[in-house]
Protein backbone atom coordinates (compact mmCIF):
# COMPACT_ATOMS: atom_id res chain seq x y z
CA MET A 1 16.29 7.86 9.86
CA ASN A 2 19.20 7.17 7.54
CA GLN A 3 19.07 6.84 3.75
CA GLU A 4 19.49 3.05 3.88
CA SER A 5 16.35 2.70 6.02
CA LEU A 6 14.39 4.94 3.62
CA GLN A 7 15.57 2.82 0.68
CA ARG A 8 14.42 -0.31 2.53
CA ILE A 9 10.97 1.26 2.96
CA ASP A 10 10.91 2.07 -0.78
CA GLY A 11 11.83 -1.56 -1.49
CA PHE A 12 9.09 -2.78 0.86
CA LEU A 13 6.54 -0.54 -0.92
CA GLU A 14 7.63 -1.53 -4.41
CA SER A 15 7.78 -5.28 -3.85
CA SER A 16 4.53 -5.30 -1.84
CA LEU A 17 2.55 -3.50 -4.54
CA ILE A 18 4.00 -5.46 -7.46
CA GLU A 19 3.40 -8.79 -5.70
CA LEU A 20 -0.10 -7.77 -4.59
CA PHE A 21 -1.25 -6.83 -8.07
CA ALA A 22 0.46 -9.88 -9.61
CA SER A 23 -1.59 -12.06 -7.25
CA HIS A 24 -4.70 -10.45 -8.81
CA GLY A 25 -3.53 -10.84 -12.42
CA ALA A 26 -2.03 -7.40 -13.10
CA SER A 27 1.57 -6.80 -14.03
CA LEU A 28 2.97 -3.50 -12.74
CA LYS A 29 6.29 -1.78 -13.28
CA THR A 30 7.61 1.27 -11.48
CA SER A 31 7.45 4.58 -13.30
CA PRO A 32 9.74 7.57 -12.61
CA ASP A 33 6.79 9.97 -12.27
CA ARG A 34 3.04 10.06 -12.16
CA GLY A 35 2.70 10.81 -15.88
CA GLY A 36 -0.33 12.89 -16.78
CA GLY A 37 -2.25 11.96 -13.66
CA ILE A 38 -4.64 9.12 -12.92
CA ASP A 39 -7.84 8.94 -14.96
CA GLU A 40 -10.94 8.28 -12.86
CA PRO A 41 -8.96 7.99 -9.60
CA ILE A 42 -10.19 6.00 -6.67
CA ALA A 43 -8.18 6.00 -3.47
CA ALA A 44 -8.07 4.27 -0.13
CA THR A 45 -6.19 5.28 2.97
CA ILE A 46 -5.36 3.06 5.90
CA GLY A 47 -3.53 3.95 9.08
CA PHE A 48 -1.03 1.98 11.10
CA THR A 49 0.71 2.22 14.43
CA SER A 50 3.48 0.50 16.36
CA THR A 51 5.43 1.24 19.51
CA ASN A 52 7.96 3.33 17.56
CA MET A 53 6.21 4.42 14.34
CA HIS A 54 2.75 5.50 13.14
CA GLY A 55 1.35 6.80 9.90
CA VAL A 56 -0.82 6.21 6.86
CA LEU A 57 -0.67 4.43 3.52
CA VAL A 58 -2.58 5.95 0.59
CA LEU A 59 -3.24 3.81 -2.48
CA THR A 60 -4.60 5.68 -5.52
CA ALA A 61 -5.48 3.76 -8.69
CA SER A 62 -7.39 4.30 -11.89
CA ARG A 63 -10.89 2.88 -11.69
CA GLU A 64 -10.04 0.72 -14.72
CA LEU A 65 -7.04 -0.88 -12.99
CA ALA A 66 -8.93 -1.47 -9.73
CA ALA A 67 -11.92 -2.98 -11.56
CA GLY A 68 -9.60 -5.13 -13.68
CA THR A 69 -8.23 -6.84 -10.57
CA LEU A 70 -11.60 -7.71 -9.04
CA PRO A 71 -11.98 -11.35 -8.02
CA LYS A 72 -13.50 -13.45 -10.82
CA ASN A 73 -16.83 -13.86 -9.01
CA LEU A 74 -17.32 -10.05 -9.06
CA GLN A 75 -16.35 -9.48 -12.70
CA SER A 76 -19.69 -10.24 -14.36
CA GLY A 77 -20.80 -7.19 -16.35
CA ALA A 78 -19.63 -3.67 -15.57
CA PRO A 79 -18.88 -3.47 -11.85
CA GLY A 80 -20.67 -0.73 -9.94
CA ASP A 81 -18.92 2.06 -8.09
CA GLU A 82 -19.66 0.51 -4.69
CA ILE A 83 -17.98 -2.78 -5.64
CA VAL A 84 -14.89 -1.02 -7.06
CA ALA A 85 -14.67 1.26 -4.01
CA ASP A 86 -14.94 -1.68 -1.61
CA TRP A 87 -12.30 -3.59 -3.59
CA THR A 88 -9.92 -0.60 -3.56
CA GLY A 89 -10.23 -0.50 0.23
CA GLU A 90 -9.45 -4.22 0.32
CA LEU A 91 -6.40 -3.70 -1.93
CA SER A 92 -5.07 -1.05 0.49
CA ASN A 93 -5.68 -3.45 3.38
CA GLN A 94 -3.82 -6.25 1.58
CA MET A 95 -1.01 -3.85 0.62
CA LEU A 96 -0.50 -2.74 4.21
CA GLY A 97 -0.73 -6.38 5.32
CA ARG A 98 2.20 -7.17 3.04
CA LEU A 99 4.12 -4.19 4.43
CA LYS A 100 3.29 -5.40 7.93
CA ASN A 101 5.00 -8.73 7.15
CA ARG A 102 8.09 -6.96 5.83
CA PHE A 103 8.29 -4.65 8.84
CA HIS A 104 7.76 -7.65 11.12
CA ALA A 105 10.79 -9.37 9.55
CA ALA A 106 12.77 -6.20 10.33
CA GLY A 107 11.65 -6.30 13.98
CA ILE A 108 8.84 -3.71 13.78
CA ASP A 109 5.29 -4.88 14.49
CA ILE A 110 2.53 -2.62 13.21
CA THR A 111 -1.22 -2.67 13.79
CA LEU A 112 -3.59 -1.72 10.97
CA SER A 113 -6.73 0.40 11.09
CA THR A 114 -9.78 0.16 8.81
CA PRO A 115 -9.43 1.52 5.26
CA ILE A 116 -11.38 4.56 4.08
CA VAL A 117 -12.14 4.97 0.34
CA PHE A 118 -12.68 8.19 -1.60
CA VAL A 119 -13.00 9.29 -5.24
CA GLY A 120 -12.54 12.54 -7.14
CA LYS A 121 -10.35 14.43 -9.57
CA GLU A 122 -7.11 16.10 -8.51
CA MET A 123 -7.05 14.37 -5.15
CA ARG A 124 -4.07 14.84 -2.91
CA HIS A 125 -3.27 13.67 0.56
CA TYR A 126 -3.24 16.74 2.76
CA SER A 127 -1.51 16.19 6.05
CA LYS A 128 1.10 17.71 8.22
CA GLU A 129 4.70 17.23 7.15
CA SER A 130 5.89 13.75 8.12
CA PRO A 131 9.52 12.78 8.67
CA ILE A 132 9.01 9.84 6.30
CA GLN A 133 7.23 10.70 3.04
CA ARG A 134 7.59 8.22 0.20
CA SER A 135 5.68 8.25 -3.10
CA LEU A 136 6.08 5.60 -5.79
CA TYR A 137 4.35 5.52 -9.19
CA PHE A 138 3.50 2.43 -11.23
CA ALA A 139 1.98 1.38 -14.55
CA GLU A 140 2.56 4.60 -16.47
CA GLY A 141 0.69 6.73 -13.95
CA ARG A 142 -2.26 4.41 -13.38
CA ILE A 143 -1.45 3.79 -9.73
CA MET A 144 0.55 5.40 -6.97
CA VAL A 145 1.28 4.56 -3.36
CA GLU A 146 2.14 7.09 -0.66
CA PHE A 147 3.58 6.24 2.73
CA HIS A 148 3.67 8.89 5.46
CA ALA A 149 5.04 8.11 8.91
CA ASP A 150 6.35 9.62 12.11
CA TYR A 151 8.83 7.64 14.14
CA GLU A 152 10.65 7.60 17.44
CA LYS A 153 14.19 8.93 17.65
CA ASP A 154 16.88 6.56 16.34
CA LEU A 155 14.49 4.17 14.55
CA GLU A 156 16.23 2.36 11.69
CA ILE A 157 14.92 -0.43 9.47
CA SER A 158 17.16 -3.45 9.90
CA SER A 159 18.44 -5.29 6.86
CA GLU A 160 18.63 -8.46 8.92
CA ALA A 161 15.55 -10.59 9.40
CA SER A 162 14.61 -10.75 13.05
CA ALA A 163 14.42 -13.96 15.00
CA ALA A 164 10.74 -13.27 15.59
CA SER A 165 8.23 -15.78 14.33
CA ALA A 166 7.70 -15.78 10.60
CA ALA A 167 4.58 -14.13 9.24
CA PRO A 168 2.12 -16.33 7.34
CA PRO A 169 2.43 -16.21 3.55
CA GLU A 170 0.40 -13.49 1.84
CA GLY A 171 -2.91 -14.79 0.56
CA ASP A 172 -3.29 -17.43 3.27
CA ILE A 173 -6.52 -17.42 5.22
CA LEU A 174 -6.16 -17.62 8.97
CA PHE A 175 -8.93 -18.60 11.32
CA PHE A 176 -8.69 -17.70 15.00
């Protein structure tokens, strides 16, 4: 995969996360590094697959940031660990959904798995070396997103939008 395709993936990750958190009332900016680490980290991982690429997205946030983006109906009092964990899994699902739309526009259709949530200090994603490994940090080290993927030979991410049908806008509810 060439450098332009990797930069497109970075752009997909950055815009997806910033837009996702903005839709839940949090303003994020990229950070050049992870700072001093994430206090009270909570993480969710969600896998994806397509005909020419497969991998995993890992979203790690501070408990404070995740709890601060809870829907209004869940913000009464101090939210319990189970609510914050479930919400972090939902954020990873929404994040990968946004990435799915961006990949779709580039002619790559991915299928998502179910998110898995975990907590703990000094967490790290331990996996085999992947040809695509991207890590981006946001909000002065309060959140990071990792994207690991394997791909078929000669896969490149097109800068042109495909003629495929447009994806529904993020946040829309679809019934089928």
